Amino acid sequence: MAACPICGKESVSDYRPFCSKRCADVDLAHWLRGDYVIPGPPLDDIASDEDKGE
């Protein structure tokens, strides 16, 4: 099995890809705080470019 992306322990099928509910919750907290982002221009920049007709 793959390693938990948070702590590196072996993953558990109930919480895959994590090893526990705690690690799953830690990952969710990272998403909710905005720690994980997809590279690219901010959406505000894209919207303003469309408004200008670019």
PDB file of N, CA and C in Angstrom:
ATOM      1  N   MET A   1       0.836  -1.198   0.000  1.00  0.00           N
ATOM      2  CA  MET A   1       0.000   0.000   0.000  1.00  0.00           C
ATOM      3  C   MET A   1       0.877   1.256   0.000  1.00  0.00           C
ATOM      4  N   ALA A   2       0.272   2.338  -0.375  1.00  0.00           N
ATOM      5  CA  ALA A   2       0.985   3.612  -0.433  1.00  0.00           C
ATOM      6  C   ALA A   2       1.117   4.220   0.959  1.00  0.00           C
ATOM      7  N   ALA A   3       2.042   5.126   1.080  1.00  0.00           N
ATOM      8  CA  ALA A   3       2.260   5.820   2.345  1.00  0.00           C
ATOM      9  C   ALA A   3       1.294   6.996   2.480  1.00  0.00           C
ATOM     10  N   CYS A   4       0.912   7.288   3.702  1.00  0.00           N
ATOM     11  CA  CYS A   4       0.053   8.439   4.001  1.00  0.00           C
ATOM     12  C   CYS A   4       0.789   9.714   3.578  1.00  0.00           C
ATOM     13  N   PRO A   5       0.133  10.603   2.820  1.00  0.00           N
ATOM     14  CA  PRO A   5       0.810  11.820   2.375  1.00  0.00           C
ATOM     15  C   PRO A   5       1.083  12.825   3.507  1.00  0.00           C
ATOM     16  N   ILE A   6       0.455  12.641   4.656  1.00  0.00           N
ATOM     17  CA  ILE A   6       0.654  13.569   5.772  1.00  0.00           C
ATOM     18  C   ILE A   6       1.795  13.116   6.674  1.00  0.00           C
ATOM     19  N   CYS A   7       1.766  11.835   7.121  1.00  0.00           N
ATOM     20  CA  CYS A   7       2.764  11.390   8.101  1.00  0.00           C
ATOM     21  C   CYS A   7       3.704  10.316   7.586  1.00  0.00           C
ATOM     22  N   GLY A   8       3.389   9.700   6.450  1.00  0.00           N
ATOM     23  CA  GLY A   8       4.269   8.692   5.879  1.00  0.00           C
ATOM     24  C   GLY A   8       3.997   7.269   6.326  1.00  0.00           C
ATOM     25  N   LYS A   9       3.068   7.058   7.279  1.00  0.00           N
ATOM     26  CA  LYS A   9       2.727   5.705   7.700  1.00  0.00           C
ATOM     27  C   LYS A   9       1.950   5.008   6.586  1.00  0.00           C
ATOM     28  N   GLU A  10       1.786   3.697   6.715  1.00  0.00           N
ATOM     29  CA  GLU A  10       1.037   2.929   5.723  1.00  0.00           C
ATOM     30  C   GLU A  10      -0.432   3.345   5.749  1.00  0.00           C
ATOM     31  N   SER A  11      -1.039   3.508   4.574  1.00  0.00           N
ATOM     32  CA  SER A  11      -2.428   3.938   4.512  1.00  0.00           C
ATOM     33  C   SER A  11      -3.369   2.812   4.935  1.00  0.00           C
ATOM     34  N   VAL A  12      -4.572   3.193   5.356  1.00  0.00           N
ATOM     35  CA  VAL A  12      -5.613   2.260   5.789  1.00  0.00           C
ATOM     36  C   VAL A  12      -6.776   2.403   4.827  1.00  0.00           C
ATOM     37  N   SER A  13      -7.364   1.275   4.428  1.00  0.00           N
ATOM     38  CA  SER A  13      -8.400   1.320   3.391  1.00  0.00           C
ATOM     39  C   SER A  13      -9.583   2.226   3.760  1.00  0.00           C
ATOM     40  N   ASP A  14      -9.951   2.308   5.038  1.00  0.00           N
ATOM     41  CA  ASP A  14     -11.076   3.165   5.438  1.00  0.00           C
ATOM     42  C   ASP A  14     -10.789   4.647   5.227  1.00  0.00           C
ATOM     43  N   TYR A  15      -9.523   5.032   5.242  1.00  0.00           N
ATOM     44  CA  TYR A  15      -9.158   6.452   5.130  1.00  0.00           C
ATOM     45  C   TYR A  15      -8.251   6.725   3.942  1.00  0.00           C
ATOM     46  N   ARG A  16      -8.153   5.780   3.019  1.00  0.00           N
ATOM     47  CA  ARG A  16      -7.240   5.887   1.885  1.00  0.00           C
ATOM     48  C   ARG A  16      -7.344   7.248   1.220  1.00  0.00           C
ATOM     49  N   PRO A  17      -6.297   7.961   0.936  1.00  0.00           N
ATOM     50  CA  PRO A  17      -4.899   7.552   0.988  1.00  0.00           C
ATOM     51  C   PRO A  17      -4.232   7.816   2.332  1.00  0.00           C
ATOM     52  N   PHE A  18      -5.007   8.126   3.346  1.00  0.00           N
ATOM     53  CA  PHE A  18      -4.446   8.468   4.650  1.00  0.00           C
ATOM     54  C   PHE A  18      -4.390   7.255   5.566  1.00  0.00           C
ATOM     55  N   CYS A  19      -3.705   7.392   6.698  1.00  0.00           N
ATOM     56  CA  CYS A  19      -3.582   6.289   7.649  1.00  0.00           C
ATOM     57  C   CYS A  19      -4.623   6.371   8.753  1.00  0.00           C
ATOM     58  N   SER A  20      -5.247   7.539   8.924  1.00  0.00           N
ATOM     59  CA  SER A  20      -6.209   7.720  10.014  1.00  0.00           C
ATOM     60  C   SER A  20      -7.120   8.903   9.718  1.00  0.00           C
ATOM     61  N   LYS A  21      -8.170   9.009  10.515  1.00  0.00           N
ATOM     62  CA  LYS A  21      -9.073  10.154  10.393  1.00  0.00           C
ATOM     63  C   LYS A  21      -8.323  11.445  10.716  1.00  0.00           C
ATOM     64  N   ARG A  22      -7.406  11.369  11.669  1.00  0.00           N
ATOM     65  CA  ARG A  22      -6.637  12.564  12.042  1.00  0.00           C
ATOM     66  C   ARG A  22      -5.875  13.118  10.838  1.00  0.00           C
ATOM     67  N   CYS A  23      -5.170  12.251  10.110  1.00  0.00           N
ATOM     68  CA  CYS A  23      -4.409  12.720   8.949  1.00  0.00           C
ATOM     69  C   CYS A  23      -5.343  13.223   7.850  1.00  0.00           C
ATOM     70  N   ALA A  24      -6.501  12.576   7.687  1.00  0.00           N
ATOM     71  CA  ALA A  24      -7.477  13.054   6.711  1.00  0.00           C
ATOM     72  C   ALA A  24      -7.970  14.454   7.102  1.00  0.00           C
ATOM     73  N   ASP A  25      -8.200  14.666   8.389  1.00  0.00           N
ATOM     74  CA  ASP A  25      -8.650  15.978   8.866  1.00  0.00           C
ATOM     75  C   ASP A  25      -7.555  17.032   8.724  1.00  0.00           C
ATOM     76  N   VAL A  26      -6.308  16.649   8.951  1.00  0.00           N
ATOM     77  CA  VAL A  26      -5.193  17.587   8.762  1.00  0.00           C
ATOM     78  C   VAL A  26      -5.146  18.032   7.301  1.00  0.00           C
ATOM     79  N   ASP A  27      -5.307  17.089   6.381  1.00  0.00           N
ATOM     80  CA  ASP A  27      -5.305  17.420   4.957  1.00  0.00           C
ATOM     81  C   ASP A  27      -6.472  18.344   4.609  1.00  0.00           C
ATOM     82  N   LEU A  28      -7.656  18.052   5.141  1.00  0.00           N
ATOM     83  CA  LEU A  28      -8.820  18.909   4.896  1.00  0.00           C
ATOM     84  C   LEU A  28      -8.558  20.322   5.411  1.00  0.00           C
ATOM     85  N   ALA A  29      -7.943  20.450   6.570  1.00  0.00           N
ATOM     86  CA  ALA A  29      -7.621  21.768   7.121  1.00  0.00           C
ATOM     87  C   ALA A  29      -6.678  22.527   6.190  1.00  0.00           C
ATOM     88  N   HIS A  30      -5.714  21.829   5.586  1.00  0.00           N
ATOM     89  CA  HIS A  30      -4.813  22.484   4.632  1.00  0.00           C
ATOM     90  C   HIS A  30      -5.611  23.055   3.458  1.00  0.00           C
ATOM     91  N   TRP A  31      -6.561  22.281   2.933  1.00  0.00           N
ATOM     92  CA  TRP A  31      -7.387  22.761   1.807  1.00  0.00           C
ATOM     93  C   TRP A  31      -8.232  23.959   2.231  1.00  0.00           C
ATOM     94  N   LEU A  32      -8.851  23.876   3.410  1.00  0.00           N
ATOM     95  CA  LEU A  32      -9.741  24.950   3.862  1.00  0.00           C
ATOM     96  C   LEU A  32      -8.987  26.248   4.143  1.00  0.00           C
ATOM     97  N   ARG A  33      -7.729  26.146   4.591  1.00  0.00           N
ATOM     98  CA  ARG A  33      -6.920  27.348   4.835  1.00  0.00           C
ATOM     99  C   ARG A  33      -6.341  27.924   3.551  1.00  0.00           C
ATOM    100  N   GLY A  34      -6.401  27.159   2.471  1.00  0.00           N
ATOM    101  CA  GLY A  34      -5.838  27.639   1.213  1.00  0.00           C
ATOM    102  C   GLY A  34      -4.359  27.342   1.080  1.00  0.00           C
ATOM    103  N   ASP A  35      -3.860  26.378   1.856  1.00  0.00           N
ATOM    104  CA  ASP A  35      -2.440  26.022   1.770  1.00  0.00           C
ATOM    105  C   ASP A  35      -2.106  25.355   0.441  1.00  0.00           C
ATOM    106  N   TYR A  36      -3.059  24.628  -0.131  1.00  0.00           N
ATOM    107  CA  TYR A  36      -2.861  23.971  -1.417  1.00  0.00           C
ATOM    108  C   TYR A  36      -3.461  24.858  -2.499  1.00  0.00           C
ATOM    109  N   VAL A  37      -2.694  25.160  -3.522  1.00  0.00           N
ATOM    110  CA  VAL A  37      -3.199  25.981  -4.624  1.00  0.00           C
ATOM    111  C   VAL A  37      -2.757  25.369  -5.953  1.00  0.00           C
ATOM    112  N   ILE A  38      -3.506  25.652  -6.982  1.00  0.00           N
ATOM    113  CA  ILE A  38      -3.151  25.242  -8.329  1.00  0.00           C
ATOM    114  C   ILE A  38      -2.442  26.422  -8.971  1.00  0.00           C
ATOM    115  N   PRO A  39      -1.223  26.217  -9.497  1.00  0.00           N
ATOM    116  CA  PRO A  39      -0.474  27.325 -10.081  1.00  0.00           C
ATOM    117  C   PRO A  39      -1.230  27.965 -11.250  1.00  0.00           C
ATOM    118  N   GLY A  40      -1.095  29.255 -11.377  1.00  0.00           N
ATOM    119  CA  GLY A  40      -1.707  29.981 -12.475  1.00  0.00           C
ATOM    120  C   GLY A  40      -2.110  31.367 -12.010  1.00  0.00           C
ATOM    121  N   PRO A  41      -2.607  32.167 -12.940  1.00  0.00           N
ATOM    122  CA  PRO A  41      -3.021  33.518 -12.549  1.00  0.00           C
ATOM    123  C   PRO A  41      -4.255  33.465 -11.659  1.00  0.00           C
ATOM    124  N   PRO A  42      -4.379  34.396 -10.736  1.00  0.00           N
ATOM    125  CA  PRO A  42      -5.571  34.443  -9.887  1.00  0.00           C
ATOM    126  C   PRO A  42      -6.830  34.586 -10.736  1.00  0.00           C
ATOM    127  N   LEU A  43      -7.920  34.033 -10.284  1.00  0.00           N
ATOM    128  CA  LEU A  43      -9.177  34.103 -11.038  1.00  0.00           C
ATOM    129  C   LEU A  43      -9.628  35.542 -11.256  1.00  0.00           C
ATOM    130  N   ASP A  44      -9.318  36.430 -10.304  1.00  0.00           N
ATOM    131  CA  ASP A  44      -9.689  37.834 -10.464  1.00  0.00           C
ATOM    132  C   ASP A  44      -9.024  38.431 -11.701  1.00  0.00           C
ATOM    133  N   ASP A  45      -7.777  38.059 -11.970  1.00  0.00           N
ATOM    134  CA  ASP A  45      -7.067  38.558 -13.154  1.00  0.00           C
ATOM    135  C   ASP A  45      -7.715  38.041 -14.438  1.00  0.00           C
ATOM    136  N   ILE A  46      -8.138  36.801 -14.442  1.00  0.00           N
ATOM    137  CA  ILE A  46      -8.775  36.228 -15.627  1.00  0.00           C
ATOM    138  C   ILE A  46     -10.104  36.920 -15.895  1.00  0.00           C
ATOM    139  N   ALA A  47     -10.876  37.155 -14.846  1.00  0.00           N
ATOM    140  CA  ALA A  47     -12.181  37.801 -15.010  1.00  0.00           C
ATOM    141  C   ALA A  47     -11.997  39.230 -15.530  1.00  0.00           C
ATOM    142  N   SER A  48     -11.010  39.956 -15.032  1.00  0.00           N
ATOM    143  CA  SER A  48     -10.820  41.334 -15.483  1.00  0.00           C
ATOM    144  C   SER A  48     -10.349  41.385 -16.927  1.00  0.00           C
ATOM    145  N   ASP A  49      -9.567  40.391 -17.380  1.00  0.00           N
ATOM    146  CA  ASP A  49      -9.139  40.326 -18.775  1.00  0.00           C
ATOM    147  C   ASP A  49     -10.336  40.087 -19.696  1.00  0.00           C
ATOM    148  N   GLU A  50     -11.271  39.261 -19.281  1.00  0.00           N
ATOM    149  CA  GLU A  50     -12.464  38.986 -20.089  1.00  0.00           C
ATOM    150  C   GLU A  50     -13.342  40.229 -20.200  1.00  0.00           C
ATOM    151  N   ASP A  51     -13.409  41.011 -19.111  1.00  0.00           N
ATOM    152  CA  ASP A  51     -14.212  42.237 -19.122  1.00  0.00           C
ATOM    153  C   ASP A  51     -13.650  43.258 -20.111  1.00  0.00           C
ATOM    154  N   LYS A  52     -12.323  43.229 -20.327  1.00  0.00           N
ATOM    155  CA  LYS A  52     -11.677  44.178 -21.239  1.00  0.00           C
ATOM    156  C   LYS A  52     -11.774  43.732 -22.681  1.00  0.00           C
ATOM    157  N   GLY A  53     -12.297  42.520 -22.914  1.00  0.00           N
ATOM    158  CA  GLY A  53     -12.405  42.027 -24.268  1.00  0.00           C
ATOM    159  C   GLY A  53     -11.148  41.381 -24.781  1.00  0.00           C
ATOM    160  N   GLU A  54     -10.239  41.005 -23.892  1.00  0.00           N
ATOM    161  CA  GLU A  54      -8.986  40.367 -24.305  1.00  0.00           C
ATOM    162  C   GLU A  54      -9.166  38.898 -24.481  1.00  0.00           C
TER     163      GLU A  54
END
